[in-house]
């Protein structure tokens, strides 16, 4: 049986790192491909994220070579470099899942037939697979770190987690 191919954008990595849950990526997906452009974004954010490469769970992140080509250039018209590279890599490698939070990126990913989830979906799957006891406190931790969670989305996730 082959391991599903998962690609991530910057924000799920950044947010999980900030709340100490980066190891969830490895527990849930084994290895996760990270486009070089996303690595550049993470490196530029070290003043906030710290030494992310040495963080627990970072060993599950596998850097993919920088992408270039007409598809990526087309995406760059609409999206930032990390989002564009993550979507291009997911399409190019026929990824089974793309981790992305940004609304614009999700719209583009949907147009290209990608299956997607974001930071909250990772937490929810972590609970479903028994790696987290609950998601509410982790959602609260994300909110304290500046991650906006609308009331309707919060209720939806809590209901899906059996915590409503």
C-alpha atoms as a PDB file:
ATOM      1  CA  UNK A   1       0.000   0.000   0.000  1.00  0.00           C
ATOM      2  CA  UNK A   2       1.408   3.393  -0.955  1.00  0.00           C
ATOM      3  CA  UNK A   3       1.445   6.310   1.441  1.00  0.00           C
ATOM      4  CA  UNK A   4      -0.802   9.173   0.336  1.00  0.00           C
ATOM      5  CA  UNK A   5       1.071  12.195  -0.965  1.00  0.00           C
ATOM      6  CA  UNK A   6       0.363  15.336   1.061  1.00  0.00           C
ATOM      7  CA  UNK A   7       1.573  18.843   0.171  1.00  0.00           C
ATOM      8  CA  UNK A   8       1.421  21.810   2.537  1.00  0.00           C
ATOM      9  CA  UNK A   9       1.390  25.557   2.294  1.00  0.00           C
ATOM     10  CA  UNK A  10       2.977  27.813   4.913  1.00  0.00           C
ATOM     11  CA  UNK A  11       0.045  28.542   7.217  1.00  0.00           C
ATOM     12  CA  UNK A  12      -0.759  25.036   8.511  1.00  0.00           C
ATOM     13  CA  UNK A  13       2.929  24.547   9.361  1.00  0.00           C
ATOM     14  CA  UNK A  14       3.211  27.990  10.973  1.00  0.00           C
ATOM     15  CA  UNK A  15       0.040  27.672  13.017  1.00  0.00           C
ATOM     16  CA  UNK A  16       0.713  24.118  14.192  1.00  0.00           C
ATOM     17  CA  UNK A  17       4.252  25.134  15.117  1.00  0.00           C
ATOM     18  CA  UNK A  18       2.992  28.068  17.189  1.00  0.00           C
ATOM     19  CA  UNK A  19       0.742  25.832  19.296  1.00  0.00           C
ATOM     20  CA  UNK A  20       3.220  22.956  19.609  1.00  0.00           C
ATOM     21  CA  UNK A  21       1.309  20.565  17.356  1.00  0.00           C
ATOM     22  CA  UNK A  22       3.644  20.321  14.350  1.00  0.00           C
ATOM     23  CA  UNK A  23       4.242  16.614  15.162  1.00  0.00           C
ATOM     24  CA  UNK A  24       0.623  15.950  14.124  1.00  0.00           C
ATOM     25  CA  UNK A  25       1.645  16.232  10.478  1.00  0.00           C
ATOM     26  CA  UNK A  26       4.017  13.286  10.761  1.00  0.00           C
ATOM     27  CA  UNK A  27       1.613  11.275  12.892  1.00  0.00           C
ATOM     28  CA  UNK A  28      -1.249  11.750  10.440  1.00  0.00           C
ATOM     29  CA  UNK A  29       0.518  11.764   7.084  1.00  0.00           C
ATOM     30  CA  UNK A  30       4.034  10.371   7.515  1.00  0.00           C
ATOM     31  CA  UNK A  31       5.911  12.715   5.218  1.00  0.00           C
ATOM     32  CA  UNK A  32       4.573  16.036   3.936  1.00  0.00           C
ATOM     33  CA  UNK A  33       5.996  17.765   0.856  1.00  0.00           C
ATOM     34  CA  UNK A  34       6.814  21.446   1.273  1.00  0.00           C
ATOM     35  CA  UNK A  35       7.616  23.522  -1.816  1.00  0.00           C
ATOM     36  CA  UNK A  36      10.916  25.414  -1.633  1.00  0.00           C
ATOM     37  CA  UNK A  37       8.971  28.679  -1.912  1.00  0.00           C
ATOM     38  CA  UNK A  38       7.092  27.795   1.296  1.00  0.00           C
ATOM     39  CA  UNK A  39      10.377  26.970   3.019  1.00  0.00           C
ATOM     40  CA  UNK A  40      11.579  30.456   2.052  1.00  0.00           C
ATOM     41  CA  UNK A  41       8.465  31.944   3.685  1.00  0.00           C
ATOM     42  CA  UNK A  42       9.020  29.887   6.838  1.00  0.00           C
ATOM     43  CA  UNK A  43      12.671  30.948   6.960  1.00  0.00           C
ATOM     44  CA  UNK A  44      11.682  34.613   6.638  1.00  0.00           C
ATOM     45  CA  UNK A  45       9.271  34.117   9.558  1.00  0.00           C
ATOM     46  CA  UNK A  46      11.886  32.772  11.971  1.00  0.00           C
ATOM     47  CA  UNK A  47      11.672  35.947  14.067  1.00  0.00           C
ATOM     48  CA  UNK A  48       8.144  34.769  14.936  1.00  0.00           C
ATOM     49  CA  UNK A  49       8.452  31.014  14.488  1.00  0.00           C
ATOM     50  CA  UNK A  50      11.928  30.469  15.885  1.00  0.00           C
ATOM     51  CA  UNK A  51      14.202  27.777  14.518  1.00  0.00           C
ATOM     52  CA  UNK A  52      11.363  25.864  12.865  1.00  0.00           C
ATOM     53  CA  UNK A  53      13.681  23.320  11.208  1.00  0.00           C
ATOM     54  CA  UNK A  54      14.720  22.015  14.651  1.00  0.00           C
ATOM     55  CA  UNK A  55      11.202  21.988  16.084  1.00  0.00           C
ATOM     56  CA  UNK A  56       9.637  18.679  17.132  1.00  0.00           C
ATOM     57  CA  UNK A  57       7.825  17.275  14.109  1.00  0.00           C
ATOM     58  CA  UNK A  58       9.811  19.217  11.497  1.00  0.00           C
ATOM     59  CA  UNK A  59      11.460  15.983  10.365  1.00  0.00           C
ATOM     60  CA  UNK A  60       8.179  15.024   8.646  1.00  0.00           C
ATOM     61  CA  UNK A  61       8.543  17.980   6.267  1.00  0.00           C
ATOM     62  CA  UNK A  62      10.305  17.114   3.012  1.00  0.00           C
ATOM     63  CA  UNK A  63      11.451  20.033   0.873  1.00  0.00           C
ATOM     64  CA  UNK A  64      10.517  19.773  -2.792  1.00  0.00           C
ATOM     65  CA  UNK A  65      12.718  21.405  -5.414  1.00  0.00           C
ATOM     66  CA  UNK A  66      11.646  24.868  -6.536  1.00  0.00           C
ATOM     67  CA  UNK A  67       8.999  24.750  -9.204  1.00  0.00           C
ATOM     68  CA  UNK A  68       8.919  26.855 -12.301  1.00  0.00           C
ATOM     69  CA  UNK A  69       6.880  26.745 -15.445  1.00  0.00           C
ATOM     70  CA  UNK A  70       3.811  28.189 -17.110  1.00  0.00           C
ATOM     71  CA  UNK A  71       1.331  26.704 -14.616  1.00  0.00           C
ATOM     72  CA  UNK A  72       3.154  28.197 -11.634  1.00  0.00           C
ATOM     73  CA  UNK A  73       3.504  31.554 -13.392  1.00  0.00           C
ATOM     74  CA  UNK A  74      -0.243  31.530 -14.105  1.00  0.00           C
ATOM     75  CA  UNK A  75      -0.969  30.886 -10.413  1.00  0.00           C
ATOM     76  CA  UNK A  76       1.409  33.659  -9.333  1.00  0.00           C
ATOM     77  CA  UNK A  77      -0.874  36.200 -10.997  1.00  0.00           C
ATOM     78  CA  UNK A  78      -3.550  35.349  -8.404  1.00  0.00           C
ATOM     79  CA  UNK A  79      -1.688  34.034  -5.354  1.00  0.00           C
ATOM     80  CA  UNK A  80       1.418  34.593  -3.272  1.00  0.00           C
ATOM     81  CA  UNK A  81       4.490  32.470  -4.117  1.00  0.00           C
ATOM     82  CA  UNK A  82       3.952  29.906  -1.347  1.00  0.00           C
ATOM     83  CA  UNK A  83       0.293  29.274  -2.137  1.00  0.00           C
ATOM     84  CA  UNK A  84       0.992  29.134  -5.867  1.00  0.00           C
ATOM     85  CA  UNK A  85       3.885  26.702  -5.405  1.00  0.00           C
ATOM     86  CA  UNK A  86       1.895  24.463  -3.050  1.00  0.00           C
ATOM     87  CA  UNK A  87      -1.007  24.235  -5.503  1.00  0.00           C
ATOM     88  CA  UNK A  88       1.316  23.707  -8.476  1.00  0.00           C
ATOM     89  CA  UNK A  89       3.208  20.957  -6.626  1.00  0.00           C
ATOM     90  CA  UNK A  90      -0.021  19.268  -5.529  1.00  0.00           C
ATOM     91  CA  UNK A  91      -1.339  19.273  -9.103  1.00  0.00           C
ATOM     92  CA  UNK A  92       2.006  18.242 -10.628  1.00  0.00           C
ATOM     93  CA  UNK A  93       2.461  15.320  -8.216  1.00  0.00           C
ATOM     94  CA  UNK A  94      -1.235  14.331  -8.088  1.00  0.00           C
ATOM     95  CA  UNK A  95      -1.261  14.817  -4.322  1.00  0.00           C
ATOM     96  CA  UNK A  96      -4.063  13.169  -2.411  1.00  0.00           C
ATOM     97  CA  UNK A  97      -4.323  16.171  -0.061  1.00  0.00           C
ATOM     98  CA  UNK A  98      -3.269  19.829   0.046  1.00  0.00           C
ATOM     99  CA  UNK A  99      -2.979  21.573   3.421  1.00  0.00           C
ATOM    100  CA  UNK A 100      -3.943  25.220   2.945  1.00  0.00           C
ATOM    101  CA  UNK A 101      -5.919  27.766   4.974  1.00  0.00           C
ATOM    102  CA  UNK A 102      -6.217  30.781   2.674  1.00  0.00           C
ATOM    103  CA  UNK A 103      -9.608  31.276   1.030  1.00  0.00           C
ATOM    104  CA  UNK A 104      -8.192  32.427  -2.311  1.00  0.00           C
ATOM    105  CA  UNK A 105      -5.823  29.474  -2.451  1.00  0.00           C
ATOM    106  CA  UNK A 106      -8.651  27.065  -1.665  1.00  0.00           C
ATOM    107  CA  UNK A 107     -10.775  28.518  -4.472  1.00  0.00           C
ATOM    108  CA  UNK A 108      -7.957  27.980  -6.963  1.00  0.00           C
ATOM    109  CA  UNK A 109      -7.236  24.510  -5.579  1.00  0.00           C
ATOM    110  CA  UNK A 110     -10.892  23.571  -5.944  1.00  0.00           C
ATOM    111  CA  UNK A 111     -10.834  24.654  -9.592  1.00  0.00           C
ATOM    112  CA  UNK A 112      -7.973  22.220 -10.133  1.00  0.00           C
ATOM    113  CA  UNK A 113      -9.750  19.341  -8.405  1.00  0.00           C
ATOM    114  CA  UNK A 114      -7.575  19.237  -5.303  1.00  0.00           C
ATOM    115  CA  UNK A 115      -8.756  17.728  -2.045  1.00  0.00           C
ATOM    116  CA  UNK A 116      -7.893  20.190   0.715  1.00  0.00           C
ATOM    117  CA  UNK A 117      -7.975  20.732   4.429  1.00  0.00           C
ATOM    118  CA  UNK A 118      -6.474  23.360   6.686  1.00  0.00           C
ATOM    119  CA  UNK A 119      -5.102  23.753  10.172  1.00  0.00           C
ATOM    120  CA  UNK A 120      -8.467  23.061  11.820  1.00  0.00           C
ATOM    121  CA  UNK A 121      -8.947  19.971   9.660  1.00  0.00           C
ATOM    122  CA  UNK A 122      -5.560  18.681  10.804  1.00  0.00           C
ATOM    123  CA  UNK A 123      -6.576  19.160  14.449  1.00  0.00           C
ATOM    124  CA  UNK A 124      -9.899  17.432  13.808  1.00  0.00           C
ATOM    125  CA  UNK A 125      -8.189  14.488  12.109  1.00  0.00           C
ATOM    126  CA  UNK A 126      -5.719  14.370  14.997  1.00  0.00           C
ATOM    127  CA  UNK A 127      -8.627  13.851  17.375  1.00  0.00           C
ATOM    128  CA  UNK A 128     -10.318  11.301  15.109  1.00  0.00           C
ATOM    129  CA  UNK A 129      -7.124   9.245  14.991  1.00  0.00           C
ATOM    130  CA  UNK A 130      -6.595   9.474  18.753  1.00  0.00           C
ATOM    131  CA  UNK A 131      -3.579  11.806  18.773  1.00  0.00           C
ATOM    132  CA  UNK A 132      -5.503  14.624  20.501  1.00  0.00           C
ATOM    133  CA  UNK A 133      -8.008  14.267  23.317  1.00  0.00           C
ATOM    134  CA  UNK A 134      -9.982  17.284  22.147  1.00  0.00           C
ATOM    135  CA  UNK A 135      -9.770  20.187  19.710  1.00  0.00           C
ATOM    136  CA  UNK A 136     -11.401  23.052  21.629  1.00  0.00           C
ATOM    137  CA  UNK A 137      -8.314  24.050  23.632  1.00  0.00           C
ATOM    138  CA  UNK A 138      -6.143  23.874  20.503  1.00  0.00           C
ATOM    139  CA  UNK A 139      -8.594  26.103  18.637  1.00  0.00           C
ATOM    140  CA  UNK A 140      -8.463  28.527  21.568  1.00  0.00           C
ATOM    141  CA  UNK A 141      -4.651  28.432  21.425  1.00  0.00           C
ATOM    142  CA  UNK A 142      -4.785  29.233  17.704  1.00  0.00           C
ATOM    143  CA  UNK A 143      -7.113  32.159  18.401  1.00  0.00           C
ATOM    144  CA  UNK A 144      -4.696  33.505  21.016  1.00  0.00           C
ATOM    145  CA  UNK A 145      -1.981  33.358  18.334  1.00  0.00           C
ATOM    146  CA  UNK A 146      -4.050  35.503  15.968  1.00  0.00           C
ATOM    147  CA  UNK A 147      -5.704  32.762  13.881  1.00  0.00           C
ATOM    148  CA  UNK A 148      -9.217  33.990  13.093  1.00  0.00           C
ATOM    149  CA  UNK A 149     -11.937  31.366  13.530  1.00  0.00           C
ATOM    150  CA  UNK A 150     -15.440  32.588  12.754  1.00  0.00           C
ATOM    151  CA  UNK A 151     -18.253  31.542  15.078  1.00  0.00           C
ATOM    152  CA  UNK A 152     -19.965  29.333  12.478  1.00  0.00           C
ATOM    153  CA  UNK A 153     -16.724  27.544  11.580  1.00  0.00           C
ATOM    154  CA  UNK A 154     -15.871  27.053  15.255  1.00  0.00           C
ATOM    155  CA  UNK A 155     -19.283  25.485  15.904  1.00  0.00           C
ATOM    156  CA  UNK A 156     -18.941  23.282  12.814  1.00  0.00           C
ATOM    157  CA  UNK A 157     -15.516  21.977  13.876  1.00  0.00           C
ATOM    158  CA  UNK A 158     -16.598  21.448  17.485  1.00  0.00           C
ATOM    159  CA  UNK A 159     -19.705  19.566  16.314  1.00  0.00           C
ATOM    160  CA  UNK A 160     -17.589  17.387  14.010  1.00  0.00           C
ATOM    161  CA  UNK A 161     -15.283  16.695  16.966  1.00  0.00           C
ATOM    162  CA  UNK A 162     -18.222  15.811  19.214  1.00  0.00           C
ATOM    163  CA  UNK A 163     -17.487  18.813  21.428  1.00  0.00           C
ATOM    164  CA  UNK A 164     -20.438  21.097  20.625  1.00  0.00           C
END
